[in-house]
PDB file of N, CA and C in Angstrom:
ATOM      1  N   UNK A   1     -38.343  22.508   3.602  1.00  0.00           N
ATOM      2  CA  UNK A   1     -37.570  21.383   3.996  1.00  0.00           C
ATOM      3  C   UNK A   1     -37.664  20.604   2.745  1.00  0.00           C
ATOM      4  N   UNK A   2     -38.709  20.302   1.701  1.00  0.00           N
ATOM      5  CA  UNK A   2     -38.914  19.794   0.767  1.00  0.00           C
ATOM      6  C   UNK A   2     -37.727  20.147  -0.147  1.00  0.00           C
ATOM      7  N   UNK A   3     -37.840  21.517  -0.059  1.00  0.00           N
ATOM      8  CA  UNK A   3     -36.532  22.422  -1.187  1.00  0.00           C
ATOM      9  C   UNK A   3     -35.313  21.807  -0.955  1.00  0.00           C
ATOM     10  N   UNK A   4     -35.306  21.845   0.610  1.00  0.00           N
ATOM     11  CA  UNK A   4     -33.351  21.543   0.753  1.00  0.00           C
ATOM     12  C   UNK A   4     -32.922  20.510   0.617  1.00  0.00           C
ATOM     13  N   UNK A   5     -33.790  19.219   0.262  1.00  0.00           N
ATOM     14  CA  UNK A   5     -33.707  17.846   0.308  1.00  0.00           C
ATOM     15  C   UNK A   5     -33.329  17.418  -1.072  1.00  0.00           C
ATOM     16  N   UNK A   6     -34.492  18.272  -1.639  1.00  0.00           N
ATOM     17  CA  UNK A   6     -34.061  18.602  -3.305  1.00  0.00           C
ATOM     18  C   UNK A   6     -32.970  19.115  -3.864  1.00  0.00           C
ATOM     19  N   UNK A   7     -32.669  19.824  -2.876  1.00  0.00           N
ATOM     20  CA  UNK A   7     -31.305  20.703  -3.527  1.00  0.00           C
ATOM     21  C   UNK A   7     -29.643  19.704  -2.918  1.00  0.00           C
ATOM     22  N   UNK A   8     -30.422  19.290  -2.112  1.00  0.00           N
ATOM     23  CA  UNK A   8     -29.391  17.961  -1.404  1.00  0.00           C
ATOM     24  C   UNK A   8     -28.969  16.550  -2.929  1.00  0.00           C
ATOM     25  N   UNK A   9     -30.176  16.702  -2.888  1.00  0.00           N
ATOM     26  CA  UNK A   9     -29.860  15.251  -4.161  1.00  0.00           C
ATOM     27  C   UNK A   9     -29.327  15.753  -5.239  1.00  0.00           C
ATOM     28  N   UNK A  10     -29.338  17.140  -6.106  1.00  0.00           N
ATOM     29  CA  UNK A  10     -28.793  17.534  -7.182  1.00  0.00           C
ATOM     30  C   UNK A  10     -27.355  17.907  -6.950  1.00  0.00           C
ATOM     31  N   UNK A  11     -27.035  17.757  -5.484  1.00  0.00           N
ATOM     32  CA  UNK A  11     -25.626  18.895  -5.202  1.00  0.00           C
ATOM     33  C   UNK A  11     -25.066  17.264  -5.505  1.00  0.00           C
ATOM     34  N   UNK A  12     -23.479  17.574  -6.605  1.00  0.00           N
ATOM     35  CA  UNK A  12     -22.770  16.287  -6.476  1.00  0.00           C
ATOM     36  C   UNK A  12     -20.896  16.888  -6.126  1.00  0.00           C
ATOM     37  N   UNK A  13     -20.922  17.916  -5.174  1.00  0.00           N
ATOM     38  CA  UNK A  13     -20.080  17.987  -4.583  1.00  0.00           C
ATOM     39  C   UNK A  13     -19.810  16.897  -4.002  1.00  0.00           C
ATOM     40  N   UNK A  14     -20.175  16.545  -2.753  1.00  0.00           N
ATOM     41  CA  UNK A  14     -20.144  15.223  -2.234  1.00  0.00           C
ATOM     42  C   UNK A  14     -19.717  14.232  -3.324  1.00  0.00           C
ATOM     43  N   UNK A  15     -19.803  14.162  -3.754  1.00  0.00           N
ATOM     44  CA  UNK A  15     -20.198  12.286  -4.779  1.00  0.00           C
ATOM     45  C   UNK A  15     -18.530  12.807  -5.602  1.00  0.00           C
ATOM     46  N   UNK A  16     -18.093  13.987  -5.901  1.00  0.00           N
ATOM     47  CA  UNK A  16     -16.339  13.841  -6.090  1.00  0.00           C
ATOM     48  C   UNK A  16     -15.981  13.890  -5.109  1.00  0.00           C
ATOM     49  N   UNK A  17     -16.019  14.326  -4.169  1.00  0.00           N
ATOM     50  CA  UNK A  17     -15.110  14.154  -2.793  1.00  0.00           C
ATOM     51  C   UNK A  17     -15.222  12.346  -2.026  1.00  0.00           C
ATOM     52  N   UNK A  18     -16.060  11.667  -2.325  1.00  0.00           N
ATOM     53  CA  UNK A  18     -16.040  10.382  -2.462  1.00  0.00           C
ATOM     54  C   UNK A  18     -15.397   9.298  -3.215  1.00  0.00           C
ATOM     55  N   UNK A  19     -15.607   9.777  -4.481  1.00  0.00           N
ATOM     56  CA  UNK A  19     -14.745   9.041  -5.802  1.00  0.00           C
ATOM     57  C   UNK A  19     -12.883   9.605  -5.592  1.00  0.00           C
ATOM     58  N   UNK A  20     -12.370  10.633  -5.178  1.00  0.00           N
ATOM     59  CA  UNK A  20     -11.178  11.052  -4.869  1.00  0.00           C
ATOM     60  C   UNK A  20     -10.939  10.283  -3.779  1.00  0.00           C
ATOM     61  N   UNK A  21     -11.421   9.800  -2.575  1.00  0.00           N
ATOM     62  CA  UNK A  21     -11.565   8.975  -1.633  1.00  0.00           C
ATOM     63  C   UNK A  21     -11.415   7.636  -1.387  1.00  0.00           C
ATOM     64  N   UNK A  22     -11.924   6.905  -2.780  1.00  0.00           N
ATOM     65  CA  UNK A  22     -11.826   6.003  -3.385  1.00  0.00           C
ATOM     66  C   UNK A  22     -10.979   5.846  -3.763  1.00  0.00           C
ATOM     67  N   UNK A  23     -10.517   6.954  -5.164  1.00  0.00           N
ATOM     68  CA  UNK A  23      -9.231   6.576  -5.519  1.00  0.00           C
ATOM     69  C   UNK A  23      -8.468   6.409  -5.030  1.00  0.00           C
ATOM     70  N   UNK A  24      -7.927   7.437  -3.927  1.00  0.00           N
ATOM     71  CA  UNK A  24      -6.697   7.127  -2.433  1.00  0.00           C
ATOM     72  C   UNK A  24      -7.176   5.979  -2.128  1.00  0.00           C
ATOM     73  N   UNK A  25      -7.540   5.393  -1.862  1.00  0.00           N
ATOM     74  CA  UNK A  25      -7.787   4.423  -1.211  1.00  0.00           C
ATOM     75  C   UNK A  25      -7.294   3.204  -2.006  1.00  0.00           C
ATOM     76  N   UNK A  26      -7.787   2.971  -3.115  1.00  0.00           N
ATOM     77  CA  UNK A  26      -7.197   2.190  -4.188  1.00  0.00           C
ATOM     78  C   UNK A  26      -5.700   2.186  -4.135  1.00  0.00           C
ATOM     79  N   UNK A  27      -4.991   3.154  -4.449  1.00  0.00           N
ATOM     80  CA  UNK A  27      -3.724   3.647  -4.621  1.00  0.00           C
ATOM     81  C   UNK A  27      -2.791   3.209  -3.260  1.00  0.00           C
ATOM     82  N   UNK A  28      -3.442   3.677  -2.156  1.00  0.00           N
ATOM     83  CA  UNK A  28      -2.607   3.260  -0.794  1.00  0.00           C
ATOM     84  C   UNK A  28      -2.752   1.742  -0.491  1.00  0.00           C
ATOM     85  N   UNK A  29      -3.518   0.905  -1.333  1.00  0.00           N
ATOM     86  CA  UNK A  29      -3.340  -0.454  -1.482  1.00  0.00           C
ATOM     87  C   UNK A  29      -2.682  -1.247  -2.123  1.00  0.00           C
ATOM     88  N   UNK A  30      -2.420  -0.380  -2.764  1.00  0.00           N
ATOM     89  CA  UNK A  30      -1.322  -0.868  -4.515  1.00  0.00           C
ATOM     90  C   UNK A  30      -0.222  -0.620  -3.885  1.00  0.00           C
ATOM     91  N   UNK A  31       0.024   0.351  -3.368  1.00  0.00           N
ATOM     92  CA  UNK A  31       1.284   0.602  -3.138  1.00  0.00           C
ATOM     93  C   UNK A  31       1.891   0.271  -1.708  1.00  0.00           C
ATOM     94  N   UNK A  32       0.620  -0.484  -0.642  1.00  0.00           N
ATOM     95  CA  UNK A  32       0.902  -1.413   0.335  1.00  0.00           C
ATOM     96  C   UNK A  32       1.433  -2.690  -0.129  1.00  0.00           C
ATOM     97  N   UNK A  33       0.789  -2.996  -1.352  1.00  0.00           N
ATOM     98  CA  UNK A  33       1.098  -4.289  -1.101  1.00  0.00           C
ATOM     99  C   UNK A  33       2.433  -4.348  -2.166  1.00  0.00           C
ATOM    100  N   UNK A  34       2.815  -3.705  -2.985  1.00  0.00           N
ATOM    101  CA  UNK A  34       3.990  -2.995  -3.198  1.00  0.00           C
ATOM    102  C   UNK A  34       4.896  -3.086  -2.373  1.00  0.00           C
ATOM    103  N   UNK A  35       5.209  -2.283  -1.351  1.00  0.00           N
ATOM    104  CA  UNK A  35       6.109  -2.226  -0.174  1.00  0.00           C
ATOM    105  C   UNK A  35       6.120  -3.964   0.280  1.00  0.00           C
ATOM    106  N   UNK A  36       5.045  -4.108   0.693  1.00  0.00           N
ATOM    107  CA  UNK A  36       5.141  -5.406   1.280  1.00  0.00           C
ATOM    108  C   UNK A  36       5.763  -6.560   0.560  1.00  0.00           C
ATOM    109  N   UNK A  37       6.052  -6.979  -1.066  1.00  0.00           N
ATOM    110  CA  UNK A  37       6.736  -7.759  -1.227  1.00  0.00           C
ATOM    111  C   UNK A  37       7.905  -7.136  -1.975  1.00  0.00           C
ATOM    112  N   UNK A  38       7.891  -5.690  -1.849  1.00  0.00           N
ATOM    113  CA  UNK A  38       9.545  -5.368  -2.101  1.00  0.00           C
ATOM    114  C   UNK A  38      10.260  -5.751  -0.150  1.00  0.00           C
ATOM    115  N   UNK A  39       9.535  -5.262   0.648  1.00  0.00           N
ATOM    116  CA  UNK A  39      10.271  -6.275   1.888  1.00  0.00           C
ATOM    117  C   UNK A  39      10.340  -7.759   2.132  1.00  0.00           C
ATOM    118  N   UNK A  40       9.690  -8.547   1.577  1.00  0.00           N
ATOM    119  CA  UNK A  40       9.214 -10.190   1.868  1.00  0.00           C
ATOM    120  C   UNK A  40      11.264 -10.679   0.538  1.00  0.00           C
ATOM    121  N   UNK A  41      10.871  -9.885  -0.599  1.00  0.00           N
ATOM    122  CA  UNK A  41      12.540  -9.581  -1.180  1.00  0.00           C
ATOM    123  C   UNK A  41      13.142  -9.467  -0.628  1.00  0.00           C
ATOM    124  N   UNK A  42      13.260  -8.091  -0.497  1.00  0.00           N
ATOM    125  CA  UNK A  42      14.667  -7.703   0.416  1.00  0.00           C
ATOM    126  C   UNK A  42      15.417  -8.760   1.684  1.00  0.00           C
ATOM    127  N   UNK A  43      14.284  -9.000   2.428  1.00  0.00           N
ATOM    128  CA  UNK A  43      14.664  -9.979   3.484  1.00  0.00           C
ATOM    129  C   UNK A  43      15.236 -11.682   2.950  1.00  0.00           C
ATOM    130  N   UNK A  44      14.611 -11.937   2.056  1.00  0.00           N
ATOM    131  CA  UNK A  44      15.268 -13.065   1.629  1.00  0.00           C
ATOM    132  C   UNK A  44      16.332 -13.024   0.924  1.00  0.00           C
ATOM    133  N   UNK A  45      16.987 -12.199   0.766  1.00  0.00           N
ATOM    134  CA  UNK A  45      17.867 -11.337   0.198  1.00  0.00           C
ATOM    135  C   UNK A  45      19.240 -11.529   1.191  1.00  0.00           C
ATOM    136  N   UNK A  46      18.811 -10.796   2.114  1.00  0.00           N
ATOM    137  CA  UNK A  46      19.786 -10.029   2.978  1.00  0.00           C
ATOM    138  C   UNK A  46      19.717 -11.818   3.581  1.00  0.00           C
ATOM    139  N   UNK A  47      19.373 -12.797   4.575  1.00  0.00           N
ATOM    140  CA  UNK A  47      18.938 -13.721   4.905  1.00  0.00           C
ATOM    141  C   UNK A  47      20.038 -14.773   3.955  1.00  0.00           C
ATOM    142  N   UNK A  48      19.641 -14.473   2.460  1.00  0.00           N
ATOM    143  CA  UNK A  48      20.415 -15.399   1.898  1.00  0.00           C
ATOM    144  C   UNK A  48      22.121 -14.804   2.145  1.00  0.00           C
ATOM    145  N   UNK A  49      22.356 -13.953   2.065  1.00  0.00           N
ATOM    146  CA  UNK A  49      23.825 -12.977   2.275  1.00  0.00           C
ATOM    147  C   UNK A  49      24.126 -13.511   3.509  1.00  0.00           C
ATOM    148  N   UNK A  50      23.646 -12.916   4.198  1.00  0.00           N
ATOM    149  CA  UNK A  50      23.921 -13.835   5.564  1.00  0.00           C
ATOM    150  C   UNK A  50      24.595 -14.850   5.927  1.00  0.00           C
ATOM    151  N   UNK A  51      22.883 -16.094   5.471  1.00  0.00           N
ATOM    152  CA  UNK A  51      23.656 -17.525   5.514  1.00  0.00           C
ATOM    153  C   UNK A  51      25.300 -17.895   5.047  1.00  0.00           C
ATOM    154  N   UNK A  52      25.556 -17.394   3.989  1.00  0.00           N
ATOM    155  CA  UNK A  52      26.407 -17.500   2.654  1.00  0.00           C
ATOM    156  C   UNK A  52      27.793 -16.617   3.539  1.00  0.00           C
ATOM    157  N   UNK A  53      27.716 -15.986   4.340  1.00  0.00           N
ATOM    158  CA  UNK A  53      28.928 -15.350   5.296  1.00  0.00           C
ATOM    159  C   UNK A  53      29.385 -16.076   6.756  1.00  0.00           C
ATOM    160  N   UNK A  54      28.139 -16.398   7.058  1.00  0.00           N
ATOM    161  CA  UNK A  54      28.497 -17.448   7.936  1.00  0.00           C
ATOM    162  C   UNK A  54      29.361 -19.175   7.717  1.00  0.00           C
ATOM    163  N   UNK A  55      28.481 -19.282   6.326  1.00  0.00           N
ATOM    164  CA  UNK A  55      29.051 -20.606   5.671  1.00  0.00           C
ATOM    165  C   UNK A  55      30.430 -20.244   5.286  1.00  0.00           C
ATOM    166  N   UNK A  56      30.830 -19.053   4.893  1.00  0.00           N
ATOM    167  CA  UNK A  56      32.194 -18.468   4.702  1.00  0.00           C
ATOM    168  C   UNK A  56      33.152 -19.027   5.401  1.00  0.00           C
ATOM    169  N   UNK A  57      32.388 -17.759   6.585  1.00  0.00           N
ATOM    170  CA  UNK A  57      33.058 -17.724   8.029  1.00  0.00           C
ATOM    171  C   UNK A  57      33.572 -18.869   8.747  1.00  0.00           C
ATOM    172  N   UNK A  58      32.795 -20.250   8.726  1.00  0.00           N
ATOM    173  CA  UNK A  58      32.827 -21.346   9.396  1.00  0.00           C
ATOM    174  C   UNK A  58      34.044 -22.551   8.485  1.00  0.00           C
ATOM    175  N   UNK A  59      33.757 -22.216   7.219  1.00  0.00           N
ATOM    176  CA  UNK A  59      34.861 -22.844   6.311  1.00  0.00           C
ATOM    177  C   UNK A  59      36.386 -22.335   6.390  1.00  0.00           C
ATOM    178  N   UNK A  60      36.312 -21.027   6.566  1.00  0.00           N
ATOM    179  CA  UNK A  60      37.749 -20.568   6.857  1.00  0.00           C
ATOM    180  C   UNK A  60      38.288 -20.998   8.264  1.00  0.00           C
ATOM    181  N   UNK A  61      37.584 -20.937   9.412  1.00  0.00           N
ATOM    182  CA  UNK A  61      37.599 -20.744  11.046  1.00  0.00           C
ATOM    183  C   UNK A  61      38.738 -21.936  11.076  1.00  0.00           C
TER     184      UNK A  61
END
């Protein structure tokens, strides 16, 4: 049993998988933040465009 625990303590394969998992999580969080920022900007642009169209149609009507 102690030989198995020593071998398990020396094994580095699991540590590499955990590191890749952490990197993937950080990339995902960065992408999520970028998409949210882009979404907010896109909504603001379309809201401004909609407001201008409504104002123009009211002034010409």
